[in-house]
Amino acid sequence: MRRGRVVILRLAVVPLLLLSLLLAPGAAAVWLNLPASGAKCVSEEIQPNVVVLANYAVASDGDDIARQTIAAKVTSPYGNTLHNQEHVSAGQFAFTTTEAGSYVACFWIDSGNSDVGLSVSLDWKIGIAAKDWDSVAKKDKIEGVELELTKLEAEVQAIHVNLLYLKSR
């Protein structure tokens, strides 16, 4: 009888873990191939009060990377500009969302070499993936399993908030 409860509990945990992977805010690192003219944009549907961190850089293929520059612009769902950089080969942005919706980051080539496309690396982190877990571990003096449990607790809280948000929609 006891063994049957363990199996049922394990079966209940598997969908919960799958749901956490689908709903938990995370990180996405992508490569964008920018065309010689025009822009490439990436968007993410994000709730309010979520931390967003991102780093981007032009991928070097041996040419002088200083000559290859891009422009980057990040806008909120209501069109507010959150980040705008021009003539850079690398950059970063960070903000806390104020409204729910689709946040858009667009990149385009703004250097004089307009006949050749470029590749851009974009490392986009949201929610608990953007949290500096090393500083949390040092501040709270935790390590190993306790740190992993703290991360899992943060993920569960993020899932709970996400489900409440979806329920309200």
N, C-alpha and C. Protein backbone atom coordinates (compact mmCIF):
# COMPACT_ATOMS: atom_id res chain seq x y z
N MET A 1 0.82 -1.19 0.00
CA MET A 1 0.00 0.00 0.00
C MET A 1 0.87 1.26 0.00
N ARG A 2 1.88 1.27 0.81
CA ARG A 2 2.78 2.41 0.91
C ARG A 2 3.53 2.63 -0.41
N ARG A 3 3.90 1.55 -1.04
CA ARG A 3 4.65 1.63 -2.29
C ARG A 3 3.80 2.29 -3.38
N GLY A 4 2.53 2.04 -3.40
CA GLY A 4 1.63 2.65 -4.38
C GLY A 4 1.58 4.16 -4.23
N ARG A 5 1.64 4.68 -3.01
CA ARG A 5 1.63 6.13 -2.79
C ARG A 5 2.90 6.77 -3.33
N VAL A 6 4.02 6.08 -3.18
CA VAL A 6 5.28 6.62 -3.68
C VAL A 6 5.24 6.74 -5.20
N VAL A 7 4.69 5.73 -5.87
CA VAL A 7 4.58 5.76 -7.33
C VAL A 7 3.68 6.90 -7.76
N ILE A 8 2.56 7.08 -7.07
CA ILE A 8 1.63 8.15 -7.41
C ILE A 8 2.30 9.51 -7.20
N LEU A 9 3.03 9.66 -6.10
CA LEU A 9 3.73 10.92 -5.86
C LEU A 9 4.78 11.18 -6.94
N ARG A 10 5.51 10.15 -7.35
CA ARG A 10 6.50 10.33 -8.40
C ARG A 10 5.83 10.71 -9.71
N LEU A 11 4.69 10.10 -10.02
CA LEU A 11 3.97 10.44 -11.24
C LEU A 11 3.45 11.87 -11.19
N ALA A 12 3.12 12.36 -10.00
CA ALA A 12 2.64 13.73 -9.87
C ALA A 12 3.78 14.73 -9.99
N VAL A 13 4.97 14.33 -9.62
CA VAL A 13 6.13 15.22 -9.67
C VAL A 13 6.60 15.45 -11.10
N VAL A 14 6.54 14.43 -11.95
CA VAL A 14 7.04 14.54 -13.32
C VAL A 14 6.31 15.65 -14.09
N PRO A 15 4.97 15.69 -14.12
CA PRO A 15 4.31 16.80 -14.82
C PRO A 15 4.64 18.16 -14.22
N LEU A 16 4.83 18.20 -12.90
CA LEU A 16 5.18 19.45 -12.24
C LEU A 16 6.54 19.94 -12.71
N LEU A 17 7.49 19.03 -12.85
CA LEU A 17 8.81 19.41 -13.34
C LEU A 17 8.76 19.86 -14.79
N LEU A 18 7.97 19.17 -15.61
CA LEU A 18 7.81 19.58 -17.00
C LEU A 18 7.16 20.95 -17.10
N LEU A 19 6.16 21.19 -16.25
CA LEU A 19 5.51 22.48 -16.23
C LEU A 19 6.48 23.57 -15.81
N SER A 20 7.36 23.26 -14.86
CA SER A 20 8.33 24.26 -14.42
C SER A 20 9.30 24.61 -15.54
N LEU A 21 9.66 23.64 -16.35
CA LEU A 21 10.56 23.92 -17.47
C LEU A 21 9.88 24.79 -18.51
N LEU A 22 8.58 24.62 -18.69
CA LEU A 22 7.85 25.38 -19.69
C LEU A 22 7.51 26.79 -19.23
N LEU A 23 7.17 26.96 -17.95
CA LEU A 23 6.67 28.24 -17.47
C LEU A 23 7.70 29.10 -16.76
N ALA A 24 8.75 28.51 -16.25
CA ALA A 24 9.72 29.29 -15.48
C ALA A 24 10.48 30.24 -16.39
N PRO A 25 10.64 31.48 -15.94
CA PRO A 25 11.46 32.40 -16.72
C PRO A 25 12.87 31.85 -16.82
N GLY A 26 13.51 32.11 -17.93
CA GLY A 26 14.82 31.53 -18.10
C GLY A 26 15.75 32.40 -18.90
N ALA A 27 16.66 31.73 -19.54
CA ALA A 27 17.66 32.43 -20.33
C ALA A 27 17.65 31.87 -21.74
N ALA A 28 17.97 32.73 -22.66
CA ALA A 28 18.05 32.29 -24.04
C ALA A 28 19.26 32.94 -24.69
N ALA A 29 20.17 32.13 -25.17
CA ALA A 29 21.32 32.65 -25.91
C ALA A 29 21.12 32.26 -27.37
N VAL A 30 21.17 33.26 -28.24
CA VAL A 30 20.92 33.01 -29.65
C VAL A 30 21.96 33.73 -30.51
N TRP A 31 22.08 33.25 -31.73
CA TRP A 31 22.90 33.91 -32.74
C TRP A 31 21.95 34.49 -33.76
N LEU A 32 22.14 35.75 -34.08
CA LEU A 32 21.32 36.40 -35.09
C LEU A 32 22.20 36.71 -36.29
N ASN A 33 21.75 36.33 -37.47
CA ASN A 33 22.45 36.68 -38.70
C ASN A 33 21.78 37.92 -39.27
N LEU A 34 22.46 39.05 -39.11
CA LEU A 34 21.90 40.32 -39.57
C LEU A 34 22.09 40.45 -41.08
N PRO A 35 21.03 40.83 -41.79
CA PRO A 35 21.18 41.04 -43.23
C PRO A 35 21.95 42.34 -43.50
N ALA A 36 22.44 42.49 -44.71
CA ALA A 36 23.20 43.69 -45.08
C ALA A 36 22.35 44.95 -44.93
N SER A 37 21.06 44.84 -45.18
CA SER A 37 20.16 45.97 -44.96
C SER A 37 18.93 45.44 -44.23
N GLY A 38 18.35 46.25 -43.40
CA GLY A 38 17.21 45.82 -42.61
C GLY A 38 17.63 45.42 -41.21
N ALA A 39 16.67 45.01 -40.41
CA ALA A 39 16.91 44.69 -39.00
C ALA A 39 16.44 43.28 -38.70
N LYS A 40 17.00 42.71 -37.65
CA LYS A 40 16.53 41.44 -37.08
C LYS A 40 16.04 41.75 -35.67
N CYS A 41 14.87 41.25 -35.33
CA CYS A 41 14.29 41.52 -34.01
C CYS A 41 13.99 40.22 -33.28
N VAL A 42 14.09 40.29 -31.98
CA VAL A 42 13.76 39.18 -31.09
C VAL A 42 12.76 39.72 -30.08
N SER A 43 11.70 38.98 -29.81
CA SER A 43 10.73 39.44 -28.82
C SER A 43 10.49 38.37 -27.77
N GLU A 44 10.07 38.82 -26.62
CA GLU A 44 9.80 37.93 -25.49
C GLU A 44 8.58 38.46 -24.76
N GLU A 45 7.62 37.59 -24.50
CA GLU A 45 6.44 37.93 -23.73
C GLU A 45 6.83 37.86 -22.25
N ILE A 46 6.77 39.00 -21.55
CA ILE A 46 7.24 39.07 -20.17
C ILE A 46 6.19 39.76 -19.31
N GLN A 47 6.05 39.29 -18.08
CA GLN A 47 5.14 39.88 -17.11
C GLN A 47 5.74 41.15 -16.50
N PRO A 48 4.93 41.92 -15.76
CA PRO A 48 5.50 43.09 -15.08
C PRO A 48 6.39 42.67 -13.90
N ASN A 49 7.30 43.55 -13.51
CA ASN A 49 8.20 43.37 -12.36
C ASN A 49 9.14 42.18 -12.52
N VAL A 50 9.66 41.99 -13.72
CA VAL A 50 10.62 40.92 -13.99
C VAL A 50 11.93 41.57 -14.44
N VAL A 51 13.03 41.08 -13.88
CA VAL A 51 14.35 41.59 -14.25
C VAL A 51 14.79 40.97 -15.57
N VAL A 52 15.32 41.81 -16.46
CA VAL A 52 15.82 41.37 -17.75
C VAL A 52 17.26 41.84 -17.90
N LEU A 53 18.15 40.93 -18.24
CA LEU A 53 19.56 41.25 -18.50
C LEU A 53 19.93 40.67 -19.85
N ALA A 54 20.74 41.40 -20.61
CA ALA A 54 21.18 40.87 -21.90
C ALA A 54 22.54 41.43 -22.26
N ASN A 55 23.32 40.60 -22.93
CA ASN A 55 24.61 40.99 -23.49
C ASN A 55 24.56 40.64 -24.97
N TYR A 56 25.12 41.50 -25.80
CA TYR A 56 25.18 41.21 -27.23
C TYR A 56 26.54 41.64 -27.76
N ALA A 57 27.00 40.94 -28.81
CA ALA A 57 28.30 41.25 -29.39
C ALA A 57 28.33 40.77 -30.83
N VAL A 58 29.05 41.52 -31.66
CA VAL A 58 29.27 41.11 -33.04
C VAL A 58 30.25 39.94 -33.03
N ALA A 59 29.91 38.90 -33.75
CA ALA A 59 30.79 37.73 -33.81
C ALA A 59 31.96 38.04 -34.73
N SER A 60 33.16 37.75 -34.26
CA SER A 60 34.36 38.03 -35.03
C SER A 60 34.70 36.85 -35.93
N ASP A 61 35.01 37.15 -37.19
CA ASP A 61 35.44 36.09 -38.10
C ASP A 61 36.86 36.34 -38.59
N GLY A 62 37.62 37.08 -37.79
CA GLY A 62 39.01 37.36 -38.15
C GLY A 62 39.20 38.74 -38.72
N ASP A 63 38.13 39.38 -39.22
CA ASP A 63 38.25 40.75 -39.72
C ASP A 63 38.40 41.70 -38.55
N ASP A 64 38.73 42.93 -38.84
CA ASP A 64 38.84 43.95 -37.80
C ASP A 64 37.44 44.23 -37.25
N ILE A 65 37.19 43.77 -36.04
CA ILE A 65 35.85 43.88 -35.45
C ILE A 65 35.49 45.32 -35.14
N ALA A 66 36.48 46.19 -35.00
CA ALA A 66 36.19 47.59 -34.69
C ALA A 66 35.48 48.27 -35.86
N ARG A 67 35.69 47.80 -37.10
CA ARG A 67 35.03 48.40 -38.25
C ARG A 67 33.59 47.93 -38.39
N GLN A 68 33.25 46.81 -37.80
CA GLN A 68 31.92 46.24 -37.94
C GLN A 68 31.08 46.65 -36.74
N THR A 69 30.19 47.59 -36.95
CA THR A 69 29.37 48.06 -35.84
C THR A 69 27.89 47.84 -36.14
N ILE A 70 27.14 47.75 -35.07
CA ILE A 70 25.70 47.55 -35.17
C ILE A 70 24.99 48.60 -34.33
N ALA A 71 23.68 48.64 -34.47
CA ALA A 71 22.83 49.44 -33.61
C ALA A 71 21.84 48.49 -32.95
N ALA A 72 21.46 48.82 -31.72
CA ALA A 72 20.52 47.99 -30.97
C ALA A 72 19.47 48.88 -30.33
N LYS A 73 18.23 48.41 -30.37
CA LYS A 73 17.14 49.16 -29.75
C LYS A 73 16.19 48.18 -29.09
N VAL A 74 15.83 48.45 -27.85
CA VAL A 74 14.90 47.62 -27.09
C VAL A 74 13.69 48.47 -26.73
N THR A 75 12.50 47.94 -27.02
CA THR A 75 11.28 48.69 -26.72
C THR A 75 10.33 47.86 -25.88
N SER A 76 9.51 48.57 -25.11
CA SER A 76 8.50 47.93 -24.27
C SER A 76 7.24 47.68 -25.10
N PRO A 77 6.26 46.98 -24.52
CA PRO A 77 5.02 46.71 -25.27
C PRO A 77 4.29 47.98 -25.71
N TYR A 78 4.47 49.08 -24.98
CA TYR A 78 3.81 50.33 -25.33
C TYR A 78 4.70 51.25 -26.17
N GLY A 79 5.83 50.73 -26.64
CA GLY A 79 6.69 51.49 -27.53
C GLY A 79 7.74 52.37 -26.86
N ASN A 80 7.86 52.30 -25.54
CA ASN A 80 8.89 53.08 -24.84
C ASN A 80 10.26 52.50 -25.14
N THR A 81 11.24 53.35 -25.42
CA THR A 81 12.60 52.89 -25.69
C THR A 81 13.31 52.64 -24.36
N LEU A 82 13.75 51.41 -24.16
CA LEU A 82 14.45 51.03 -22.93
C LEU A 82 15.96 51.01 -23.12
N HIS A 83 16.41 50.83 -24.35
CA HIS A 83 17.84 50.79 -24.66
C HIS A 83 18.01 51.18 -26.11
N ASN A 84 18.99 52.05 -26.37
CA ASN A 84 19.26 52.46 -27.74
C ASN A 84 20.75 52.75 -27.86
N GLN A 85 21.47 51.95 -28.62
CA GLN A 85 22.91 52.12 -28.83
C GLN A 85 23.18 52.09 -30.33
N GLU A 86 24.08 52.94 -30.76
CA GLU A 86 24.49 52.95 -32.16
C GLU A 86 26.00 52.90 -32.26
N HIS A 87 26.51 52.37 -33.36
CA HIS A 87 27.95 52.29 -33.64
C HIS A 87 28.71 51.55 -32.53
N VAL A 88 28.23 50.37 -32.16
CA VAL A 88 28.90 49.55 -31.15
C VAL A 88 29.15 48.16 -31.72
N SER A 89 30.17 47.50 -31.19
CA SER A 89 30.41 46.11 -31.58
C SER A 89 29.97 45.16 -30.47
N ALA A 90 29.68 45.71 -29.28
CA ALA A 90 29.18 44.91 -28.16
C ALA A 90 28.44 45.85 -27.21
N GLY A 91 27.55 45.28 -26.44
CA GLY A 91 26.82 46.09 -25.47
C GLY A 91 26.00 45.23 -24.55
N GLN A 92 25.32 45.88 -23.64
CA GLN A 92 24.44 45.17 -22.71
C GLN A 92 23.31 46.09 -22.29
N PHE A 93 22.23 45.48 -21.84
CA PHE A 93 21.13 46.25 -21.29
C PHE A 93 20.51 45.49 -20.15
N ALA A 94 19.91 46.24 -19.24
CA ALA A 94 19.24 45.67 -18.08
C ALA A 94 18.07 46.58 -17.72
N PHE A 95 16.95 45.97 -17.37
CA PHE A 95 15.80 46.74 -16.94
C PHE A 95 14.85 45.83 -16.19
N THR A 96 13.95 46.44 -15.45
CA THR A 96 12.86 45.71 -14.80
C THR A 96 11.58 46.09 -15.52
N THR A 97 10.84 45.10 -15.95
CA THR A 97 9.64 45.37 -16.74
C THR A 97 8.61 46.11 -15.89
N THR A 98 7.88 47.01 -16.54
CA THR A 98 6.84 47.76 -15.84
C THR A 98 5.45 47.37 -16.31
N GLU A 99 5.36 46.80 -17.51
CA GLU A 99 4.06 46.37 -18.01
C GLU A 99 4.20 44.98 -18.64
N ALA A 100 3.10 44.27 -18.67
CA ALA A 100 3.09 42.94 -19.29
C ALA A 100 2.98 43.09 -20.79
N GLY A 101 3.66 42.20 -21.50
CA GLY A 101 3.55 42.21 -22.95
C GLY A 101 4.83 41.79 -23.63
N SER A 102 4.91 42.08 -24.91
CA SER A 102 6.02 41.65 -25.73
C SER A 102 7.11 42.73 -25.77
N TYR A 103 8.27 42.40 -25.23
CA TYR A 103 9.43 43.29 -25.26
C TYR A 103 10.27 42.91 -26.48
N VAL A 104 10.67 43.90 -27.27
CA VAL A 104 11.33 43.64 -28.54
C VAL A 104 12.72 44.25 -28.56
N ALA A 105 13.70 43.45 -28.98
CA ALA A 105 15.08 43.92 -29.18
C ALA A 105 15.40 43.78 -30.65
N CYS A 106 15.77 44.89 -31.28
CA CYS A 106 16.09 44.89 -32.71
C CYS A 106 17.55 45.27 -32.92
N PHE A 107 18.19 44.63 -33.89
CA PHE A 107 19.59 44.87 -34.21
C PHE A 107 19.72 45.08 -35.71
N TRP A 108 20.59 46.01 -36.12
CA TRP A 108 20.85 46.24 -37.52
C TRP A 108 22.28 46.75 -37.68
N ILE A 109 22.81 46.59 -38.89
CA ILE A 109 24.17 47.01 -39.19
C ILE A 109 24.15 48.50 -39.47
N ASP A 110 25.03 49.25 -38.80
CA ASP A 110 25.09 50.69 -39.06
C ASP A 110 26.49 51.15 -39.49
N SER A 111 27.39 50.21 -39.73
CA SER A 111 28.71 50.59 -40.22
C SER A 111 28.67 50.75 -41.72
N GLY A 112 29.74 51.28 -42.30
CA GLY A 112 29.79 51.55 -43.73
C GLY A 112 29.81 50.31 -44.60
N ASN A 113 30.09 49.14 -44.04
CA ASN A 113 30.18 47.89 -44.80
C ASN A 113 28.78 47.31 -44.98
N SER A 114 27.98 47.91 -45.84
CA SER A 114 26.57 47.51 -45.92
C SER A 114 26.32 46.36 -46.90
N ASP A 115 27.36 45.88 -47.59
CA ASP A 115 27.13 44.81 -48.55
C ASP A 115 27.34 43.42 -47.95
N VAL A 116 27.75 43.34 -46.69
CA VAL A 116 28.03 42.06 -46.03
C VAL A 116 27.22 41.98 -44.74
N GLY A 117 26.60 40.83 -44.49
CA GLY A 117 25.86 40.62 -43.26
C GLY A 117 26.80 40.31 -42.10
N LEU A 118 26.27 40.36 -40.90
CA LEU A 118 27.04 40.08 -39.68
C LEU A 118 26.28 39.09 -38.80
N SER A 119 27.00 38.42 -37.93
CA SER A 119 26.38 37.58 -36.91
C SER A 119 26.53 38.26 -35.56
N VAL A 120 25.46 38.20 -34.78
CA VAL A 120 25.45 38.81 -33.45
C VAL A 120 25.05 37.75 -32.44
N SER A 121 25.81 37.68 -31.36
CA SER A 121 25.49 36.79 -30.25
C SER A 121 24.65 37.57 -29.25
N LEU A 122 23.52 37.00 -28.85
CA LEU A 122 22.63 37.65 -27.88
C LEU A 122 22.37 36.68 -26.74
N ASP A 123 22.76 37.07 -25.54
CA ASP A 123 22.52 36.28 -24.33
C ASP A 123 21.46 37.02 -23.51
N TRP A 124 20.24 36.53 -23.54
CA TRP A 124 19.06 37.20 -22.97
C TRP A 124 18.62 36.40 -21.75
N LYS A 125 18.61 37.03 -20.58
CA LYS A 125 18.20 36.35 -19.34
C LYS A 125 17.05 37.11 -18.70
N ILE A 126 16.04 36.36 -18.25
CA ILE A 126 14.91 36.99 -17.57
C ILE A 126 14.60 36.26 -16.28
N GLY A 127 14.01 36.98 -15.34
CA GLY A 127 13.55 36.38 -14.09
C GLY A 127 14.67 35.81 -13.26
N ILE A 128 14.46 34.59 -12.77
CA ILE A 128 15.44 33.99 -11.86
C ILE A 128 16.74 33.62 -12.56
N ALA A 129 16.71 33.48 -13.88
CA ALA A 129 17.95 33.21 -14.62
C ALA A 129 18.88 34.42 -14.58
N ALA A 130 18.30 35.62 -14.39
CA ALA A 130 19.09 36.84 -14.33
C ALA A 130 19.67 37.10 -12.95
N LYS A 131 19.27 36.31 -11.99
CA LYS A 131 19.73 36.51 -10.61
C LYS A 131 21.17 36.05 -10.45
N ASP A 132 21.94 36.81 -9.68
CA ASP A 132 23.34 36.47 -9.43
C ASP A 132 23.40 35.50 -8.24
N TRP A 133 23.39 34.21 -8.56
CA TRP A 133 23.31 33.19 -7.51
C TRP A 133 24.60 33.09 -6.71
N ASP A 134 25.73 33.48 -7.27
CA ASP A 134 26.99 33.46 -6.51
C ASP A 134 26.94 34.45 -5.35
N SER A 135 26.40 35.64 -5.62
CA SER A 135 26.31 36.63 -4.54
C SER A 135 25.26 36.22 -3.50
N VAL A 136 24.20 35.55 -3.94
CA VAL A 136 23.20 35.04 -2.99
C VAL A 136 23.84 34.00 -2.06
N ALA A 137 24.64 33.11 -2.65
CA ALA A 137 25.30 32.07 -1.86
C ALA A 137 26.27 32.67 -0.86
N LYS A 138 27.02 33.68 -1.26
CA LYS A 138 27.98 34.32 -0.35
C LYS A 138 27.26 35.07 0.76
N LYS A 139 26.20 35.82 0.38
CA LYS A 139 25.48 36.62 1.36
C LYS A 139 24.80 35.74 2.41
N ASP A 140 24.16 34.67 1.96
CA ASP A 140 23.44 33.78 2.88
C ASP A 140 24.32 32.67 3.44
N LYS A 141 25.57 32.62 3.00
CA LYS A 141 26.54 31.61 3.44
C LYS A 141 25.99 30.20 3.24
N ILE A 142 25.55 29.95 2.01
CA ILE A 142 25.04 28.62 1.67
C ILE A 142 25.82 28.07 0.49
N GLU A 143 25.79 26.77 0.32
CA GLU A 143 26.48 26.13 -0.81
C GLU A 143 25.85 24.78 -1.08
N GLY A 144 26.23 24.19 -2.19
CA GLY A 144 25.81 22.83 -2.53
C GLY A 144 24.32 22.66 -2.64
N VAL A 145 23.84 21.67 -1.91
CA VAL A 145 22.43 21.28 -1.97
C VAL A 145 21.53 22.42 -1.50
N GLU A 146 21.97 23.13 -0.48
CA GLU A 146 21.15 24.22 0.05
C GLU A 146 20.97 25.33 -1.00
N LEU A 147 22.01 25.61 -1.75
CA LEU A 147 21.91 26.60 -2.82
C LEU A 147 20.97 26.13 -3.91
N GLU A 148 21.07 24.86 -4.29
CA GLU A 148 20.17 24.30 -5.30
C GLU A 148 18.72 24.33 -4.83
N LEU A 149 18.49 24.06 -3.56
CA LEU A 149 17.13 24.14 -3.02
C LEU A 149 16.61 25.58 -3.04
N THR A 150 17.48 26.53 -2.78
CA THR A 150 17.10 27.94 -2.85
C THR A 150 16.71 28.32 -4.28
N LYS A 151 17.48 27.82 -5.25
CA LYS A 151 17.16 28.06 -6.66
C LYS A 151 15.81 27.45 -7.02
N LEU A 152 15.58 26.21 -6.56
CA LEU A 152 14.31 25.54 -6.84
C LEU A 152 13.14 26.28 -6.20
N GLU A 153 13.35 26.79 -5.00
CA GLU A 153 12.30 27.55 -4.33
C GLU A 153 11.96 28.81 -5.13
N ALA A 154 12.98 29.47 -5.65
CA ALA A 154 12.75 30.66 -6.48
C ALA A 154 12.01 30.28 -7.76
N GLU A 155 12.34 29.13 -8.35
CA GLU A 155 11.64 28.67 -9.55
C GLU A 155 10.17 28.39 -9.26
N VAL A 156 9.90 27.74 -8.13
CA VAL A 156 8.52 27.43 -7.75
C VAL A 156 7.74 28.72 -7.54
N GLN A 157 8.37 29.70 -6.89
CA GLN A 157 7.69 30.99 -6.69
C GLN A 157 7.40 31.66 -8.04
N ALA A 158 8.36 31.58 -8.97
CA ALA A 158 8.15 32.17 -10.30
C ALA A 158 7.02 31.46 -11.03
N ILE A 159 6.95 30.15 -10.92
CA ILE A 159 5.87 29.39 -11.55
C ILE A 159 4.53 29.79 -10.95
N HIS A 160 4.49 29.92 -9.64
CA HIS A 160 3.26 30.30 -8.95
C HIS A 160 2.78 31.68 -9.43
N VAL A 161 3.69 32.64 -9.50
CA VAL A 161 3.34 33.97 -9.97
C VAL A 161 2.89 33.92 -11.42
N ASN A 162 3.56 33.11 -12.23
CA ASN A 162 3.18 32.97 -13.64
C ASN A 162 1.79 32.37 -13.78
N LEU A 163 1.48 31.36 -12.99
CA LEU A 163 0.15 30.75 -13.05
C LEU A 163 -0.93 31.74 -12.61
N LEU A 164 -0.65 32.52 -11.58
CA LEU A 164 -1.61 33.54 -11.15
C LEU A 164 -1.83 34.58 -12.25
N TYR A 165 -0.75 34.95 -12.93
CA TYR A 165 -0.84 35.90 -14.03
C TYR A 165 -1.68 35.32 -15.17
N LEU A 166 -1.43 34.06 -15.53
CA LEU A 166 -2.20 33.42 -16.59
C LEU A 166 -3.67 33.29 -16.20
N LYS A 167 -3.92 32.99 -14.95
CA LYS A 167 -5.30 32.87 -14.46
C LYS A 167 -6.03 34.20 -14.57
N SER A 168 -5.33 35.30 -14.26
CA SER A 168 -5.95 36.61 -14.34
C SER A 168 -6.22 37.03 -15.78
N ARG A 169 -5.43 36.54 -16.72
CA ARG A 169 -5.63 36.88 -18.13
C ARG A 169 -6.83 36.12 -18.67
